[in-house]
């Protein structure tokens, strides 16, 4: 949850790609934990939003569906 907050803060500061990198680190950590970390669903949604804002609509949709 803290990573999501940090990513949103970076986005509000206009640091879209830093927000994507921060969010990706959390998703990588979840993958290493065999997708068992609680509350990561909101992080996938946030990553979808960030990717959409960056113009990567196809990948954004995949994250939202996850």
PDB file of N, CA and C in Angstrom:
ATOM      1  N   UNK A   1       0.833  -1.189   0.000  1.00  0.00           N
ATOM      2  CA  UNK A   1       0.000   0.000   0.000  1.00  0.00           C
ATOM      3  C   UNK A   1       0.876   1.250   0.000  1.00  0.00           C
ATOM      4  N   UNK A   2       1.998   1.184   0.692  1.00  0.00           N
ATOM      5  CA  UNK A   2       2.889   2.354   0.733  1.00  0.00           C
ATOM      6  C   UNK A   2       3.498   2.624  -0.635  1.00  0.00           C
ATOM      7  N   UNK A   3       3.773   1.566  -1.394  1.00  0.00           N
ATOM      8  CA  UNK A   3       4.317   1.756  -2.740  1.00  0.00           C
ATOM      9  C   UNK A   3       3.287   2.461  -3.619  1.00  0.00           C
ATOM     10  N   UNK A   4       2.030   2.080  -3.493  1.00  0.00           N
ATOM     11  CA  UNK A   4       0.978   2.740  -4.273  1.00  0.00           C
ATOM     12  C   UNK A   4       0.909   4.221  -3.938  1.00  0.00           C
ATOM     13  N   UNK A   5       1.008   4.519  -2.655  1.00  0.00           N
ATOM     14  CA  UNK A   5       0.975   5.920  -2.232  1.00  0.00           C
ATOM     15  C   UNK A   5       2.165   6.683  -2.810  1.00  0.00           C
ATOM     16  N   UNK A   6       3.357   6.090  -2.732  1.00  0.00           N
ATOM     17  CA  UNK A   6       4.542   6.737  -3.271  1.00  0.00           C
ATOM     18  C   UNK A   6       4.416   6.946  -4.780  1.00  0.00           C
ATOM     19  N   UNK A   7       3.898   5.959  -5.482  1.00  0.00           N
ATOM     20  CA  UNK A   7       3.704   6.083  -6.933  1.00  0.00           C
ATOM     21  C   UNK A   7       2.735   7.208  -7.261  1.00  0.00           C
ATOM     22  N   UNK A   8       1.649   7.303  -6.504  1.00  0.00           N
ATOM     23  CA  UNK A   8       0.677   8.387  -6.737  1.00  0.00           C
ATOM     24  C   UNK A   8       1.309   9.751  -6.472  1.00  0.00           C
ATOM     25  N   UNK A   9       2.113   9.821  -5.443  1.00  0.00           N
ATOM     26  CA  UNK A   9       2.811  11.065  -5.128  1.00  0.00           C
ATOM     27  C   UNK A   9       3.751  11.460  -6.276  1.00  0.00           C
ATOM     28  N   UNK A  10       4.472  10.497  -6.804  1.00  0.00           N
ATOM     29  CA  UNK A  10       5.352  10.776  -7.938  1.00  0.00           C
ATOM     30  C   UNK A  10       4.540  11.231  -9.147  1.00  0.00           C
ATOM     31  N   UNK A  11       3.396  10.603  -9.375  1.00  0.00           N
ATOM     32  CA  UNK A  11       2.544  11.002 -10.482  1.00  0.00           C
ATOM     33  C   UNK A  11       2.067  12.439 -10.310  1.00  0.00           C
ATOM     34  N   UNK A  12       1.641  12.788  -9.117  1.00  0.00           N
ATOM     35  CA  UNK A  12       1.184  14.154  -8.854  1.00  0.00           C
ATOM     36  C   UNK A  12       2.293  15.179  -9.039  1.00  0.00           C
ATOM     37  N   UNK A  13       3.520  14.759  -8.847  1.00  0.00           N
ATOM     38  CA  UNK A  13       4.669  15.649  -9.048  1.00  0.00           C
ATOM     39  C   UNK A  13       5.114  15.698 -10.511  1.00  0.00           C
ATOM     40  N   UNK A  14       4.406  14.967 -11.374  1.00  0.00           N
ATOM     41  CA  UNK A  14       4.736  14.966 -12.797  1.00  0.00           C
ATOM     42  C   UNK A  14       5.824  13.979 -13.168  1.00  0.00           C
ATOM     43  N   UNK A  15       6.088  13.035 -12.301  1.00  0.00           N
ATOM     44  CA  UNK A  15       7.142  12.048 -12.533  1.00  0.00           C
ATOM     45  C   UNK A  15       6.513  10.709 -12.923  1.00  0.00           C
ATOM     46  N   UNK A  16       5.881  10.682 -14.080  1.00  0.00           N
ATOM     47  CA  UNK A  16       5.137   9.504 -14.521  1.00  0.00           C
ATOM     48  C   UNK A  16       6.022   8.267 -14.596  1.00  0.00           C
ATOM     49  N   UNK A  17       7.172   8.386 -15.226  1.00  0.00           N
ATOM     50  CA  UNK A  17       8.005   7.198 -15.418  1.00  0.00           C
ATOM     51  C   UNK A  17       8.649   6.729 -14.120  1.00  0.00           C
ATOM     52  N   UNK A  18       8.913   7.627 -13.201  1.00  0.00           N
ATOM     53  CA  UNK A  18       9.392   7.235 -11.871  1.00  0.00           C
ATOM     54  C   UNK A  18       8.283   6.487 -11.139  1.00  0.00           C
ATOM     55  N   UNK A  19       7.045   6.940 -11.303  1.00  0.00           N
ATOM     56  CA  UNK A  19       5.905   6.264 -10.684  1.00  0.00           C
ATOM     57  C   UNK A  19       5.740   4.858 -11.249  1.00  0.00           C
ATOM     58  N   UNK A  20       5.932   4.712 -12.545  1.00  0.00           N
ATOM     59  CA  UNK A  20       5.845   3.387 -13.170  1.00  0.00           C
ATOM     60  C   UNK A  20       6.946   2.480 -12.622  1.00  0.00           C
ATOM     61  N   UNK A  21       8.153   2.990 -12.516  1.00  0.00           N
ATOM     62  CA  UNK A  21       9.270   2.193 -11.982  1.00  0.00           C
ATOM     63  C   UNK A  21       9.003   1.761 -10.542  1.00  0.00           C
ATOM     64  N   UNK A  22       8.509   2.668  -9.735  1.00  0.00           N
ATOM     65  CA  UNK A  22       8.206   2.355  -8.337  1.00  0.00           C
ATOM     66  C   UNK A  22       7.135   1.284  -8.250  1.00  0.00           C
ATOM     67  N   UNK A  23       6.107   1.450  -9.024  1.00  0.00           N
ATOM     68  CA  UNK A  23       4.998   0.493  -9.028  1.00  0.00           C
ATOM     69  C   UNK A  23       5.488  -0.878  -9.519  1.00  0.00           C
ATOM     70  N   UNK A  24       6.338  -0.884 -10.528  1.00  0.00           N
ATOM     71  CA  UNK A  24       6.846  -2.145 -11.076  1.00  0.00           C
ATOM     72  C   UNK A  24       7.654  -2.912 -10.039  1.00  0.00           C
ATOM     73  N   UNK A  25       8.392  -2.207  -9.206  1.00  0.00           N
ATOM     74  CA  UNK A  25       9.161  -2.871  -8.147  1.00  0.00           C
ATOM     75  C   UNK A  25       8.231  -3.636  -7.209  1.00  0.00           C
ATOM     76  N   UNK A  26       7.099  -3.053  -6.884  1.00  0.00           N
ATOM     77  CA  UNK A  26       6.133  -3.729  -6.013  1.00  0.00           C
ATOM     78  C   UNK A  26       5.544  -4.952  -6.708  1.00  0.00           C
ATOM     79  N   UNK A  27       5.254  -4.833  -7.988  1.00  0.00           N
ATOM     80  CA  UNK A  27       4.693  -5.965  -8.726  1.00  0.00           C
ATOM     81  C   UNK A  27       5.725  -7.079  -8.891  1.00  0.00           C
ATOM     82  N   UNK A  28       6.984  -6.711  -9.085  1.00  0.00           N
ATOM     83  CA  UNK A  28       8.056  -7.709  -9.163  1.00  0.00           C
ATOM     84  C   UNK A  28       8.183  -8.457  -7.845  1.00  0.00           C
ATOM     85  N   UNK A  29       8.084  -7.724  -6.753  1.00  0.00           N
ATOM     86  CA  UNK A  29       8.164  -8.337  -5.422  1.00  0.00           C
ATOM     87  C   UNK A  29       7.005  -9.306  -5.218  1.00  0.00           C
ATOM     88  N   UNK A  30       5.828  -8.932  -5.670  1.00  0.00           N
ATOM     89  CA  UNK A  30       4.658  -9.808  -5.568  1.00  0.00           C
ATOM     90  C   UNK A  30       4.868 -11.074  -6.393  1.00  0.00           C
ATOM     91  N   UNK A  31       5.428 -10.934  -7.582  1.00  0.00           N
ATOM     92  CA  UNK A  31       5.691 -12.098  -8.437  1.00  0.00           C
ATOM     93  C   UNK A  31       6.691 -13.040  -7.771  1.00  0.00           C
ATOM     94  N   UNK A  32       7.704 -12.484  -7.132  1.00  0.00           N
ATOM     95  CA  UNK A  32       8.696 -13.304  -6.433  1.00  0.00           C
ATOM     96  C   UNK A  32       8.068 -14.049  -5.252  1.00  0.00           C
ATOM     97  N   UNK A  33       7.020 -13.479  -4.694  1.00  0.00           N
ATOM     98  CA  UNK A  33       6.316 -14.103  -3.565  1.00  0.00           C
ATOM     99  C   UNK A  33       5.162 -14.986  -4.053  1.00  0.00           C
ATOM    100  N   UNK A  34       5.209 -15.357  -5.323  1.00  0.00           N
ATOM    101  CA  UNK A  34       4.186 -16.220  -5.931  1.00  0.00           C
ATOM    102  C   UNK A  34       2.792 -15.596  -5.855  1.00  0.00           C
ATOM    103  N   UNK A  35       2.739 -14.291  -6.008  1.00  0.00           N
ATOM    104  CA  UNK A  35       1.475 -13.526  -6.054  1.00  0.00           C
ATOM    105  C   UNK A  35       0.620 -13.713  -4.802  1.00  0.00           C
ATOM    106  N   UNK A  36       1.269 -13.723  -3.649  1.00  0.00           N
ATOM    107  CA  UNK A  36       0.550 -13.943  -2.393  1.00  0.00           C
ATOM    108  C   UNK A  36       0.591 -12.738  -1.456  1.00  0.00           C
ATOM    109  N   UNK A  37       1.090 -11.607  -1.915  1.00  0.00           N
ATOM    110  CA  UNK A  37       1.150 -10.428  -1.057  1.00  0.00           C
ATOM    111  C   UNK A  37      -0.231  -9.772  -1.042  1.00  0.00           C
ATOM    112  N   UNK A  38      -0.801  -9.557   0.137  1.00  0.00           N
ATOM    113  CA  UNK A  38      -2.128  -8.936   0.216  1.00  0.00           C
ATOM    114  C   UNK A  38      -2.127  -7.502  -0.334  1.00  0.00           C
ATOM    115  N   UNK A  39      -3.252  -7.075  -0.794  1.00  0.00           N
ATOM    116  CA  UNK A  39      -3.507  -5.702  -1.237  1.00  0.00           C
ATOM    117  C   UNK A  39      -2.769  -5.315  -2.514  1.00  0.00           C
ATOM    118  N   UNK A  40      -2.267  -6.267  -3.271  1.00  0.00           N
ATOM    119  CA  UNK A  40      -1.580  -5.886  -4.501  1.00  0.00           C
ATOM    120  C   UNK A  40      -2.549  -5.615  -5.645  1.00  0.00           C
ATOM    121  N   UNK A  41      -3.789  -5.986  -5.472  1.00  0.00           N
ATOM    122  CA  UNK A  41      -4.779  -5.719  -6.523  1.00  0.00           C
ATOM    123  C   UNK A  41      -4.846  -4.243  -6.864  1.00  0.00           C
ATOM    124  N   UNK A  42      -4.816  -3.408  -5.853  1.00  0.00           N
ATOM    125  CA  UNK A  42      -4.854  -1.963  -6.110  1.00  0.00           C
ATOM    126  C   UNK A  42      -3.583  -1.486  -6.812  1.00  0.00           C
ATOM    127  N   UNK A  43      -2.467  -2.175  -6.572  1.00  0.00           N
ATOM    128  CA  UNK A  43      -1.223  -1.803  -7.236  1.00  0.00           C
ATOM    129  C   UNK A  43      -1.291  -2.142  -8.720  1.00  0.00           C
ATOM    130  N   UNK A  44      -1.922  -3.276  -9.057  1.00  0.00           N
ATOM    131  CA  UNK A  44      -2.111  -3.627 -10.470  1.00  0.00           C
ATOM    132  C   UNK A  44      -3.010  -2.603 -11.162  1.00  0.00           C
ATOM    133  N   UNK A  45      -4.050  -2.168 -10.465  1.00  0.00           N
ATOM    134  CA  UNK A  45      -4.929  -1.144 -11.029  1.00  0.00           C
ATOM    135  C   UNK A  45      -4.177   0.168 -11.240  1.00  0.00           C
ATOM    136  N   UNK A  46      -3.382   0.542 -10.258  1.00  0.00           N
ATOM    137  CA  UNK A  46      -2.587   1.760 -10.372  1.00  0.00           C
ATOM    138  C   UNK A  46      -1.614   1.658 -11.538  1.00  0.00           C
ATOM    139  N   UNK A  47      -0.960   0.507 -11.682  1.00  0.00           N
ATOM    140  CA  UNK A  47      -0.032   0.336 -12.802  1.00  0.00           C
ATOM    141  C   UNK A  47      -0.776   0.454 -14.120  1.00  0.00           C
ATOM    142  N   UNK A  48      -1.971  -0.087 -14.184  1.00  0.00           N
ATOM    143  CA  UNK A  48      -2.783   0.065 -15.394  1.00  0.00           C
ATOM    144  C   UNK A  48      -3.044   1.524 -15.704  1.00  0.00           C
ATOM    145  N   UNK A  49      -3.375   2.286 -14.695  1.00  0.00           N
ATOM    146  CA  UNK A  49      -3.622   3.722 -14.880  1.00  0.00           C
ATOM    147  C   UNK A  49      -2.353   4.434 -15.348  1.00  0.00           C
ATOM    148  N   UNK A  50      -1.239   4.125 -14.722  1.00  0.00           N
ATOM    149  CA  UNK A  50       0.029   4.770 -15.090  1.00  0.00           C
ATOM    150  C   UNK A  50       0.426   4.431 -16.517  1.00  0.00           C
ATOM    151  N   UNK A  51       0.275   3.162 -16.884  1.00  0.00           N
ATOM    152  CA  UNK A  51       0.616   2.758 -18.251  1.00  0.00           C
ATOM    153  C   UNK A  51      -0.323   3.405 -19.267  1.00  0.00           C
ATOM    154  N   UNK A  52      -1.583   3.521 -18.912  1.00  0.00           N
ATOM    155  CA  UNK A  52      -2.531   4.207 -19.790  1.00  0.00           C
ATOM    156  C   UNK A  52      -2.099   5.658 -20.016  1.00  0.00           C
ATOM    157  N   UNK A  53      -1.716   6.316 -18.942  1.00  0.00           N
ATOM    158  CA  UNK A  53      -1.270   7.706 -19.057  1.00  0.00           C
ATOM    159  C   UNK A  53       0.002   7.838 -19.890  1.00  0.00           C
ATOM    160  N   UNK A  54       0.807   6.789 -19.895  1.00  0.00           N
ATOM    161  CA  UNK A  54       2.039   6.824 -20.691  1.00  0.00           C
ATOM    162  C   UNK A  54       1.788   6.488 -22.156  1.00  0.00           C
ATOM    163  N   UNK A  55       0.567   6.030 -22.465  1.00  0.00           N
ATOM    164  CA  UNK A  55       0.220   5.708 -23.844  1.00  0.00           C
ATOM    165  C   UNK A  55       0.265   4.225 -24.158  1.00  0.00           C
ATOM    166  N   UNK A  56       0.623   3.398 -23.204  1.00  0.00           N
ATOM    167  CA  UNK A  56       0.711   1.949 -23.405  1.00  0.00           C
ATOM    168  C   UNK A  56      -0.622   1.309 -23.020  1.00  0.00           C
ATOM    169  N   UNK A  57      -1.604   1.496 -23.867  1.00  0.00           N
ATOM    170  CA  UNK A  57      -2.979   1.083 -23.555  1.00  0.00           C
ATOM    171  C   UNK A  57      -3.114  -0.437 -23.464  1.00  0.00           C
ATOM    172  N   UNK A  58      -2.457  -1.167 -24.346  1.00  0.00           N
ATOM    173  CA  UNK A  58      -2.588  -2.626 -24.356  1.00  0.00           C
ATOM    174  C   UNK A  58      -2.063  -3.249 -23.057  1.00  0.00           C
ATOM    175  N   UNK A  59      -0.898  -2.839 -22.622  1.00  0.00           N
ATOM    176  CA  UNK A  59      -0.336  -3.362 -21.384  1.00  0.00           C
ATOM    177  C   UNK A  59      -1.137  -2.872 -20.183  1.00  0.00           C
ATOM    178  N   UNK A  60      -1.639  -1.655 -20.253  1.00  0.00           N
ATOM    179  CA  UNK A  60      -2.468  -1.107 -19.185  1.00  0.00           C
ATOM    180  C   UNK A  60      -3.691  -1.989 -18.971  1.00  0.00           C
ATOM    181  N   UNK A  61      -4.310  -2.397 -20.055  1.00  0.00           N
ATOM    182  CA  UNK A  61      -5.503  -3.240 -19.956  1.00  0.00           C
ATOM    183  C   UNK A  61      -5.177  -4.580 -19.298  1.00  0.00           C
ATOM    184  N   UNK A  62      -4.024  -5.152 -19.605  1.00  0.00           N
ATOM    185  CA  UNK A  62      -3.623  -6.422 -19.006  1.00  0.00           C
ATOM    186  C   UNK A  62      -3.457  -6.294 -17.501  1.00  0.00           C
ATOM    187  N   UNK A  63      -2.885  -5.170 -17.046  1.00  0.00           N
ATOM    188  CA  UNK A  63      -2.696  -4.966 -15.608  1.00  0.00           C
ATOM    189  C   UNK A  63      -4.036  -4.788 -14.908  1.00  0.00           C
ATOM    190  N   UNK A  64      -4.946  -4.086 -15.533  1.00  0.00           N
ATOM    191  CA  UNK A  64      -6.266  -3.879 -14.922  1.00  0.00           C
ATOM    192  C   UNK A  64      -7.011  -5.200 -14.833  1.00  0.00           C
ATOM    193  N   UNK A  65      -6.900  -6.033 -15.854  1.00  0.00           N
ATOM    194  CA  UNK A  65      -7.580  -7.317 -15.830  1.00  0.00           C
ATOM    195  C   UNK A  65      -6.990  -8.250 -14.780  1.00  0.00           C
ATOM    196  N   UNK A  66      -5.705  -8.147 -14.519  1.00  0.00           N
ATOM    197  CA  UNK A  66      -5.053  -9.003 -13.523  1.00  0.00           C
ATOM    198  C   UNK A  66      -5.666  -8.732 -12.170  1.00  0.00           C
TER     199      UNK A  66
END
